[in-house]
Amino acid sequence: MLLIALTFTLALTVLSSSQITRDWEQPFSNEVAQWDSEYLAPESEYGPGHRGVDSVQELGSLVKAPVSGRISFAGLVVDRQIVTIRSSGGHLASIEPACTDRKVGDAVRIGEQFAWHCSPQESYEYHCESCVHFSVRSQFGYLSPDYFLGELKPSVLVG
């Protein structure tokens, strides 16, 4: 737990908040998507948690690039399609279930519609009704997408 907290603090220190909010934006067409499930950091690398945020989106809804970069992955993982963008800063932004007609290596610009919410395979179980999952990873692991969108509320210590 301490290692995760230190890693997250280091990542926050390295990244300027004003830089993040200019370089990232909401990936869904509705300007202020309501998160059905929020980010919950795991206590260990393989522990339980929710490594992203979910937004209820209709099938076929368009997905915008949350950051400029290049498609680093587009394909099936287990029972759902995933599209991942690698930013110039090395962060990986993944959307699932999502389909794209783009190829690995293709450039995308922030705000550009590049994918859509597509049907997962029958065996896939949504953990919220018709949700699209959005996650962000760094070399240190998963980080809250809310931080990159400028929506992360500061921690409050209670005594």
N, C-alpha and C. Protein backbone atom coordinates (compact mmCIF):
# COMPACT_ATOMS: atom_id res chain seq x y z
N MET A 1 0.84 -1.18 0.00
CA MET A 1 0.00 0.00 0.00
C MET A 1 0.88 1.25 0.00
N LEU A 2 1.91 1.25 0.84
CA LEU A 2 2.82 2.38 0.92
C LEU A 2 3.53 2.59 -0.42
N LEU A 3 3.93 1.49 -1.06
CA LEU A 3 4.59 1.60 -2.36
C LEU A 3 3.68 2.24 -3.40
N ILE A 4 2.42 1.86 -3.40
CA ILE A 4 1.46 2.45 -4.35
C ILE A 4 1.31 3.94 -4.06
N ALA A 5 1.17 4.32 -2.80
CA ALA A 5 1.02 5.72 -2.44
C ALA A 5 2.25 6.53 -2.85
N LEU A 6 3.44 5.98 -2.61
CA LEU A 6 4.67 6.68 -2.99
C LEU A 6 4.80 6.81 -4.50
N THR A 7 4.43 5.76 -5.22
CA THR A 7 4.48 5.80 -6.68
C THR A 7 3.53 6.85 -7.22
N PHE A 8 2.32 6.88 -6.68
CA PHE A 8 1.33 7.85 -7.14
C PHE A 8 1.80 9.27 -6.83
N THR A 9 2.36 9.48 -5.64
CA THR A 9 2.86 10.79 -5.26
C THR A 9 3.98 11.22 -6.19
N LEU A 10 4.88 10.30 -6.53
CA LEU A 10 5.96 10.60 -7.46
C LEU A 10 5.39 11.00 -8.82
N ALA A 11 4.42 10.26 -9.28
CA ALA A 11 3.81 10.57 -10.58
C ALA A 11 3.15 11.94 -10.55
N LEU A 12 2.49 12.28 -9.46
CA LEU A 12 1.85 13.58 -9.34
C LEU A 12 2.88 14.70 -9.31
N THR A 13 4.01 14.46 -8.68
CA THR A 13 5.06 15.45 -8.60
C THR A 13 5.68 15.70 -9.96
N VAL A 14 5.88 14.65 -10.72
CA VAL A 14 6.51 14.76 -12.03
C VAL A 14 5.60 15.46 -13.03
N LEU A 15 4.31 15.26 -12.89
CA LEU A 15 3.37 15.81 -13.85
C LEU A 15 2.72 17.08 -13.32
N SER A 16 2.75 18.12 -14.09
CA SER A 16 2.09 19.36 -13.71
C SER A 16 0.61 19.27 -13.99
N SER A 17 -0.22 19.64 -13.02
CA SER A 17 -1.67 19.54 -13.18
C SER A 17 -2.16 20.38 -14.34
N SER A 18 -1.63 21.58 -14.51
CA SER A 18 -2.10 22.42 -15.61
C SER A 18 -1.73 21.81 -16.95
N GLN A 19 -0.58 21.15 -17.03
CA GLN A 19 -0.18 20.48 -18.26
C GLN A 19 -1.11 19.32 -18.57
N ILE A 20 -1.47 18.56 -17.56
CA ILE A 20 -2.35 17.41 -17.75
C ILE A 20 -3.68 17.84 -18.32
N THR A 21 -4.34 18.82 -17.69
CA THR A 21 -5.69 19.18 -18.12
C THR A 21 -5.71 19.77 -19.52
N ARG A 22 -4.63 20.35 -19.99
CA ARG A 22 -4.59 20.85 -21.36
C ARG A 22 -4.36 19.73 -22.36
N ASP A 23 -3.72 18.66 -21.92
CA ASP A 23 -3.35 17.59 -22.83
C ASP A 23 -4.31 16.41 -22.83
N TRP A 24 -5.30 16.43 -21.94
CA TRP A 24 -6.25 15.33 -21.83
C TRP A 24 -7.67 15.87 -21.81
N GLU A 25 -8.61 15.09 -22.33
CA GLU A 25 -10.01 15.47 -22.22
C GLU A 25 -10.90 14.23 -22.17
N GLN A 26 -12.12 14.48 -21.81
CA GLN A 26 -13.15 13.45 -21.69
C GLN A 26 -13.25 12.65 -23.00
N PRO A 27 -13.22 11.31 -22.95
CA PRO A 27 -13.28 10.52 -24.18
C PRO A 27 -14.69 10.29 -24.75
N PHE A 28 -15.71 10.73 -24.04
CA PHE A 28 -17.06 10.45 -24.50
C PHE A 28 -17.71 11.71 -25.06
N SER A 29 -18.62 11.53 -25.99
CA SER A 29 -19.22 12.64 -26.72
C SER A 29 -20.00 13.58 -25.81
N ASN A 30 -20.69 13.03 -24.81
CA ASN A 30 -21.37 13.94 -23.91
C ASN A 30 -20.31 14.64 -23.07
N GLU A 31 -20.37 15.96 -23.01
CA GLU A 31 -19.31 16.77 -22.41
C GLU A 31 -18.94 16.36 -20.99
N VAL A 32 -19.93 16.09 -20.16
CA VAL A 32 -19.64 15.70 -18.79
C VAL A 32 -20.24 14.32 -18.56
N ALA A 33 -19.46 13.31 -18.83
CA ALA A 33 -19.95 11.94 -18.63
C ALA A 33 -20.06 11.68 -17.14
N GLN A 34 -21.12 11.00 -16.76
CA GLN A 34 -21.28 10.62 -15.37
C GLN A 34 -20.62 9.27 -15.18
N TRP A 35 -19.70 9.18 -14.24
CA TRP A 35 -19.04 7.92 -13.99
C TRP A 35 -19.97 7.02 -13.21
N ASP A 36 -20.20 5.82 -13.72
CA ASP A 36 -21.01 4.84 -13.03
C ASP A 36 -20.17 4.12 -11.98
N SER A 37 -18.92 3.89 -12.30
CA SER A 37 -17.97 3.27 -11.36
C SER A 37 -16.70 4.09 -11.40
N GLU A 38 -16.18 4.44 -10.23
CA GLU A 38 -15.00 5.27 -10.15
C GLU A 38 -13.74 4.44 -9.93
N TYR A 39 -12.60 5.09 -10.11
CA TYR A 39 -11.29 4.46 -9.91
C TYR A 39 -11.11 4.07 -8.45
N LEU A 40 -10.61 2.86 -8.23
CA LEU A 40 -10.29 2.38 -6.88
C LEU A 40 -8.95 1.66 -6.97
N ALA A 41 -7.92 2.29 -6.43
CA ALA A 41 -6.57 1.73 -6.50
C ALA A 41 -6.50 0.40 -5.76
N PRO A 42 -5.83 -0.58 -6.34
CA PRO A 42 -5.64 -1.86 -5.64
C PRO A 42 -4.58 -1.69 -4.55
N GLU A 43 -4.64 -2.56 -3.55
CA GLU A 43 -3.64 -2.51 -2.48
C GLU A 43 -2.32 -3.14 -2.90
N SER A 44 -2.35 -3.97 -3.94
CA SER A 44 -1.12 -4.57 -4.46
C SER A 44 -1.27 -4.66 -5.98
N GLU A 45 -0.19 -4.97 -6.64
CA GLU A 45 -0.19 -5.01 -8.11
C GLU A 45 -1.29 -5.89 -8.67
N TYR A 46 -1.54 -7.02 -8.03
CA TYR A 46 -2.54 -7.97 -8.53
C TYR A 46 -3.79 -8.02 -7.67
N GLY A 47 -3.92 -7.12 -6.70
CA GLY A 47 -5.05 -7.10 -5.80
C GLY A 47 -6.31 -6.56 -6.44
N PRO A 48 -7.44 -6.74 -5.75
CA PRO A 48 -8.70 -6.23 -6.28
C PRO A 48 -8.72 -4.70 -6.30
N GLY A 49 -9.46 -4.16 -7.21
CA GLY A 49 -9.61 -2.72 -7.35
C GLY A 49 -10.37 -2.44 -8.64
N HIS A 50 -10.54 -1.20 -8.95
CA HIS A 50 -11.17 -0.82 -10.22
C HIS A 50 -10.21 0.16 -10.89
N ARG A 51 -9.46 -0.33 -11.87
CA ARG A 51 -8.33 0.38 -12.45
C ARG A 51 -8.74 1.31 -13.59
N GLY A 52 -9.78 2.06 -13.38
CA GLY A 52 -10.27 3.01 -14.36
C GLY A 52 -11.61 3.54 -13.93
N VAL A 53 -12.31 4.16 -14.87
CA VAL A 53 -13.65 4.68 -14.61
C VAL A 53 -14.58 4.15 -15.69
N ASP A 54 -15.86 4.06 -15.37
CA ASP A 54 -16.86 3.57 -16.32
C ASP A 54 -17.91 4.64 -16.57
N SER A 55 -18.35 4.74 -17.80
CA SER A 55 -19.42 5.64 -18.16
C SER A 55 -20.45 4.87 -18.96
N VAL A 56 -21.72 5.04 -18.63
CA VAL A 56 -22.78 4.38 -19.38
C VAL A 56 -22.88 5.04 -20.75
N GLN A 57 -22.73 4.24 -21.78
CA GLN A 57 -22.78 4.73 -23.17
C GLN A 57 -23.59 3.74 -24.00
N GLU A 58 -24.41 4.25 -24.89
CA GLU A 58 -25.17 3.38 -25.77
C GLU A 58 -24.23 2.69 -26.76
N LEU A 59 -24.61 1.47 -27.17
CA LEU A 59 -23.83 0.79 -28.21
C LEU A 59 -23.78 1.68 -29.43
N GLY A 60 -22.62 1.78 -30.03
CA GLY A 60 -22.44 2.62 -31.21
C GLY A 60 -22.03 4.04 -30.88
N SER A 61 -22.05 4.42 -29.59
CA SER A 61 -21.63 5.76 -29.21
C SER A 61 -20.19 5.98 -29.62
N LEU A 62 -19.90 7.17 -30.12
CA LEU A 62 -18.55 7.49 -30.55
C LEU A 62 -17.65 7.80 -29.36
N VAL A 63 -16.38 7.46 -29.51
CA VAL A 63 -15.38 7.70 -28.48
C VAL A 63 -14.34 8.65 -29.07
N LYS A 64 -14.00 9.69 -28.29
CA LYS A 64 -13.00 10.66 -28.71
C LYS A 64 -11.65 10.31 -28.07
N ALA A 65 -10.59 10.66 -28.75
CA ALA A 65 -9.25 10.43 -28.20
C ALA A 65 -9.08 11.32 -26.97
N PRO A 66 -8.81 10.70 -25.80
CA PRO A 66 -8.64 11.51 -24.59
C PRO A 66 -7.30 12.24 -24.56
N VAL A 67 -6.38 11.86 -25.44
CA VAL A 67 -5.05 12.44 -25.50
C VAL A 67 -4.52 12.23 -26.92
N SER A 68 -3.65 13.10 -27.36
CA SER A 68 -3.00 12.91 -28.66
C SER A 68 -1.93 11.84 -28.51
N GLY A 69 -1.76 11.06 -29.56
CA GLY A 69 -0.74 10.00 -29.52
C GLY A 69 -0.89 9.08 -30.70
N ARG A 70 -0.51 7.82 -30.50
CA ARG A 70 -0.60 6.81 -31.55
C ARG A 70 -1.31 5.58 -31.01
N ILE A 71 -2.06 4.94 -31.88
CA ILE A 71 -2.71 3.69 -31.49
C ILE A 71 -1.60 2.68 -31.20
N SER A 72 -1.61 2.13 -29.98
CA SER A 72 -0.58 1.13 -29.64
C SER A 72 -1.18 -0.27 -29.58
N PHE A 73 -2.50 -0.36 -29.48
CA PHE A 73 -3.17 -1.66 -29.50
C PHE A 73 -4.60 -1.47 -29.93
N ALA A 74 -5.09 -2.37 -30.74
CA ALA A 74 -6.51 -2.39 -31.13
C ALA A 74 -6.85 -3.85 -31.43
N GLY A 75 -7.62 -4.46 -30.55
CA GLY A 75 -7.96 -5.85 -30.79
C GLY A 75 -8.69 -6.49 -29.62
N LEU A 76 -8.90 -7.77 -29.76
CA LEU A 76 -9.65 -8.56 -28.79
C LEU A 76 -8.74 -8.99 -27.63
N VAL A 77 -9.22 -8.77 -26.41
CA VAL A 77 -8.57 -9.29 -25.21
C VAL A 77 -9.64 -10.08 -24.47
N VAL A 78 -9.46 -11.35 -24.38
CA VAL A 78 -10.38 -12.31 -23.77
C VAL A 78 -11.74 -12.25 -24.46
N ASP A 79 -12.62 -11.34 -24.06
CA ASP A 79 -13.99 -11.33 -24.58
C ASP A 79 -14.48 -9.94 -24.96
N ARG A 80 -13.56 -8.98 -25.14
CA ARG A 80 -13.96 -7.63 -25.52
C ARG A 80 -12.86 -6.95 -26.33
N GLN A 81 -13.28 -6.03 -27.17
CA GLN A 81 -12.36 -5.24 -27.98
C GLN A 81 -11.81 -4.09 -27.14
N ILE A 82 -10.52 -3.84 -27.27
CA ILE A 82 -9.86 -2.76 -26.55
C ILE A 82 -9.06 -1.94 -27.54
N VAL A 83 -9.09 -0.62 -27.33
CA VAL A 83 -8.26 0.29 -28.12
C VAL A 83 -7.41 1.09 -27.14
N THR A 84 -6.10 1.14 -27.40
CA THR A 84 -5.17 1.85 -26.52
C THR A 84 -4.37 2.86 -27.31
N ILE A 85 -4.25 4.06 -26.73
CA ILE A 85 -3.44 5.14 -27.31
C ILE A 85 -2.24 5.34 -26.40
N ARG A 86 -1.04 5.45 -27.00
CA ARG A 86 0.17 5.81 -26.24
C ARG A 86 0.42 7.29 -26.49
N SER A 87 0.44 8.07 -25.40
CA SER A 87 0.69 9.51 -25.52
C SER A 87 2.19 9.76 -25.70
N SER A 88 2.55 10.98 -26.08
CA SER A 88 3.96 11.31 -26.23
C SER A 88 4.69 11.23 -24.89
N GLY A 89 3.95 11.36 -23.78
CA GLY A 89 4.54 11.23 -22.45
C GLY A 89 4.66 9.79 -21.98
N GLY A 90 4.21 8.84 -22.82
CA GLY A 90 4.34 7.42 -22.50
C GLY A 90 3.15 6.82 -21.76
N HIS A 91 2.13 7.61 -21.47
CA HIS A 91 0.94 7.07 -20.81
C HIS A 91 0.09 6.29 -21.81
N LEU A 92 -0.54 5.24 -21.31
CA LEU A 92 -1.43 4.42 -22.13
C LEU A 92 -2.86 4.67 -21.70
N ALA A 93 -3.69 5.13 -22.63
CA ALA A 93 -5.11 5.36 -22.38
C ALA A 93 -5.89 4.27 -23.11
N SER A 94 -6.63 3.46 -22.36
CA SER A 94 -7.38 2.35 -22.96
C SER A 94 -8.87 2.54 -22.78
N ILE A 95 -9.62 2.14 -23.80
CA ILE A 95 -11.08 2.20 -23.80
C ILE A 95 -11.57 0.79 -24.14
N GLU A 96 -12.59 0.32 -23.37
CA GLU A 96 -13.16 -1.00 -23.65
C GLU A 96 -14.60 -1.09 -23.18
N PRO A 97 -15.47 -1.82 -23.81
CA PRO A 97 -15.28 -2.40 -25.14
C PRO A 97 -15.40 -1.31 -26.21
N ALA A 98 -14.42 -1.26 -27.07
CA ALA A 98 -14.39 -0.25 -28.12
C ALA A 98 -13.75 -0.84 -29.37
N CYS A 99 -14.28 -0.43 -30.50
CA CYS A 99 -13.74 -0.86 -31.80
C CYS A 99 -13.26 0.36 -32.55
N THR A 100 -12.31 0.15 -33.44
CA THR A 100 -11.80 1.22 -34.28
C THR A 100 -11.43 0.66 -35.64
N ASP A 101 -11.40 1.53 -36.62
CA ASP A 101 -10.92 1.11 -37.94
C ASP A 101 -9.46 1.55 -38.12
N ARG A 102 -8.88 2.13 -37.07
CA ARG A 102 -7.49 2.56 -37.11
C ARG A 102 -6.57 1.36 -36.92
N LYS A 103 -5.34 1.53 -37.35
CA LYS A 103 -4.31 0.49 -37.22
C LYS A 103 -3.28 0.90 -36.18
N VAL A 104 -2.59 -0.07 -35.61
CA VAL A 104 -1.50 0.22 -34.68
C VAL A 104 -0.49 1.11 -35.39
N GLY A 105 -0.10 2.18 -34.71
CA GLY A 105 0.84 3.15 -35.28
C GLY A 105 0.17 4.39 -35.82
N ASP A 106 -1.15 4.33 -36.10
CA ASP A 106 -1.87 5.51 -36.59
C ASP A 106 -1.89 6.61 -35.54
N ALA A 107 -1.71 7.84 -35.98
CA ALA A 107 -1.76 9.00 -35.09
C ALA A 107 -3.21 9.39 -34.84
N VAL A 108 -3.50 9.84 -33.62
CA VAL A 108 -4.81 10.41 -33.28
C VAL A 108 -4.56 11.71 -32.53
N ARG A 109 -5.47 12.66 -32.71
CA ARG A 109 -5.39 13.94 -32.01
C ARG A 109 -6.43 13.99 -30.91
N ILE A 110 -6.11 14.67 -29.84
CA ILE A 110 -7.05 14.83 -28.73
C ILE A 110 -8.39 15.35 -29.25
N GLY A 111 -9.47 14.75 -28.82
CA GLY A 111 -10.81 15.16 -29.22
C GLY A 111 -11.30 14.54 -30.52
N GLU A 112 -10.42 13.89 -31.26
CA GLU A 112 -10.79 13.27 -32.53
C GLU A 112 -11.59 11.99 -32.27
N GLN A 113 -12.70 11.83 -32.97
CA GLN A 113 -13.48 10.61 -32.85
C GLN A 113 -12.72 9.50 -33.57
N PHE A 114 -12.35 8.46 -32.83
CA PHE A 114 -11.49 7.43 -33.40
C PHE A 114 -12.01 6.01 -33.14
N ALA A 115 -13.04 5.88 -32.31
CA ALA A 115 -13.54 4.55 -31.96
C ALA A 115 -15.03 4.66 -31.61
N TRP A 116 -15.64 3.51 -31.34
CA TRP A 116 -17.05 3.49 -30.94
C TRP A 116 -17.26 2.34 -29.95
N HIS A 117 -18.28 2.49 -29.13
CA HIS A 117 -18.64 1.45 -28.16
C HIS A 117 -19.25 0.30 -28.95
N CYS A 118 -18.57 -0.82 -28.97
CA CYS A 118 -19.04 -1.98 -29.73
C CYS A 118 -19.40 -3.12 -28.79
N SER A 119 -20.17 -4.04 -29.30
CA SER A 119 -20.62 -5.18 -28.49
C SER A 119 -19.47 -6.10 -28.14
N PRO A 120 -19.36 -6.44 -26.86
CA PRO A 120 -18.39 -7.47 -26.49
C PRO A 120 -18.94 -8.84 -26.85
N GLN A 121 -18.15 -9.87 -26.68
CA GLN A 121 -18.64 -11.23 -26.95
C GLN A 121 -19.70 -11.60 -25.91
N GLU A 122 -20.50 -12.60 -26.22
CA GLU A 122 -21.59 -13.01 -25.34
C GLU A 122 -21.13 -13.36 -23.94
N SER A 123 -19.93 -13.90 -23.80
CA SER A 123 -19.44 -14.31 -22.48
C SER A 123 -19.05 -13.13 -21.59
N TYR A 124 -18.93 -11.93 -22.16
CA TYR A 124 -18.53 -10.75 -21.39
C TYR A 124 -19.66 -10.31 -20.47
N GLU A 125 -19.31 -10.00 -19.23
CA GLU A 125 -20.30 -9.51 -18.27
C GLU A 125 -19.95 -8.08 -17.90
N TYR A 126 -20.81 -7.14 -18.31
CA TYR A 126 -20.63 -5.75 -17.91
C TYR A 126 -20.73 -5.68 -16.39
N HIS A 127 -19.88 -4.89 -15.74
CA HIS A 127 -20.05 -4.71 -14.30
C HIS A 127 -20.93 -3.50 -14.01
N CYS A 128 -21.36 -2.81 -15.03
CA CYS A 128 -22.45 -1.85 -14.94
C CYS A 128 -23.12 -1.88 -16.32
N GLU A 129 -24.37 -1.58 -16.37
CA GLU A 129 -25.15 -1.75 -17.60
C GLU A 129 -24.63 -0.87 -18.73
N SER A 130 -24.17 -1.50 -19.81
CA SER A 130 -23.71 -0.83 -21.03
C SER A 130 -22.62 0.21 -20.76
N CYS A 131 -21.67 -0.14 -19.92
CA CYS A 131 -20.58 0.78 -19.58
C CYS A 131 -19.40 0.66 -20.53
N VAL A 132 -18.73 1.78 -20.69
CA VAL A 132 -17.45 1.82 -21.39
C VAL A 132 -16.41 2.17 -20.35
N HIS A 133 -15.34 1.36 -20.29
CA HIS A 133 -14.29 1.51 -19.29
C HIS A 133 -13.14 2.33 -19.88
N PHE A 134 -12.65 3.30 -19.13
CA PHE A 134 -11.55 4.17 -19.53
C PHE A 134 -10.47 4.07 -18.45
N SER A 135 -9.25 3.68 -18.85
CA SER A 135 -8.16 3.56 -17.88
C SER A 135 -6.91 4.25 -18.41
N VAL A 136 -6.02 4.60 -17.49
CA VAL A 136 -4.74 5.22 -17.83
C VAL A 136 -3.65 4.49 -17.06
N ARG A 137 -2.59 4.14 -17.78
CA ARG A 137 -1.43 3.47 -17.16
C ARG A 137 -0.17 4.25 -17.44
N SER A 138 0.78 4.12 -16.53
CA SER A 138 2.12 4.66 -16.73
C SER A 138 3.08 3.50 -16.52
N GLN A 139 4.36 3.78 -16.57
CA GLN A 139 5.33 2.72 -16.30
C GLN A 139 5.22 2.23 -14.87
N PHE A 140 4.56 2.98 -13.99
CA PHE A 140 4.42 2.61 -12.59
C PHE A 140 3.13 1.84 -12.31
N GLY A 141 2.24 1.75 -13.30
CA GLY A 141 0.96 1.06 -13.11
C GLY A 141 -0.21 1.97 -13.43
N TYR A 142 -1.38 1.56 -12.98
CA TYR A 142 -2.61 2.29 -13.27
C TYR A 142 -2.71 3.56 -12.42
N LEU A 143 -3.25 4.61 -13.03
CA LEU A 143 -3.47 5.89 -12.36
C LEU A 143 -4.93 6.29 -12.59
N SER A 144 -5.44 7.15 -11.74
CA SER A 144 -6.83 7.59 -11.89
C SER A 144 -7.00 8.48 -13.12
N PRO A 145 -7.91 8.12 -14.03
CA PRO A 145 -8.18 9.00 -15.17
C PRO A 145 -8.67 10.38 -14.72
N ASP A 146 -9.31 10.45 -13.55
CA ASP A 146 -9.79 11.74 -13.05
C ASP A 146 -8.65 12.74 -12.89
N TYR A 147 -7.47 12.26 -12.53
CA TYR A 147 -6.32 13.15 -12.40
C TYR A 147 -5.99 13.79 -13.75
N PHE A 148 -5.96 12.99 -14.79
CA PHE A 148 -5.61 13.48 -16.12
C PHE A 148 -6.67 14.42 -16.69
N LEU A 149 -7.90 14.25 -16.25
CA LEU A 149 -9.00 15.10 -16.71
C LEU A 149 -9.18 16.32 -15.83
N GLY A 150 -8.35 16.47 -14.80
CA GLY A 150 -8.44 17.61 -13.90
C GLY A 150 -9.62 17.52 -12.94
N GLU A 151 -10.13 16.30 -12.72
CA GLU A 151 -11.31 16.12 -11.88
C GLU A 151 -11.02 15.44 -10.55
N LEU A 152 -9.75 15.16 -10.28
CA LEU A 152 -9.41 14.46 -9.04
C LEU A 152 -9.49 15.42 -7.88
N LYS A 153 -10.26 15.05 -6.89
CA LYS A 153 -10.40 15.88 -5.70
C LYS A 153 -9.22 15.61 -4.77
N PRO A 154 -8.72 16.63 -4.08
CA PRO A 154 -7.58 16.41 -3.18
C PRO A 154 -7.96 15.53 -2.00
N SER A 155 -6.97 14.81 -1.50
CA SER A 155 -7.18 13.98 -0.30
C SER A 155 -7.33 14.88 0.91
N VAL A 156 -8.16 14.45 1.83
CA VAL A 156 -8.34 15.20 3.06
C VAL A 156 -8.02 14.28 4.22
N LEU A 157 -7.06 14.69 5.03
CA LEU A 157 -6.69 13.90 6.21
C LEU A 157 -7.65 14.23 7.34
N VAL A 158 -8.17 13.18 7.96
CA VAL A 158 -9.04 13.39 9.11
C VAL A 158 -8.33 12.87 10.33
N GLY A 159 -8.55 13.52 11.43
CA GLY A 159 -7.78 13.13 12.59
C GLY A 159 -8.62 12.65 13.66
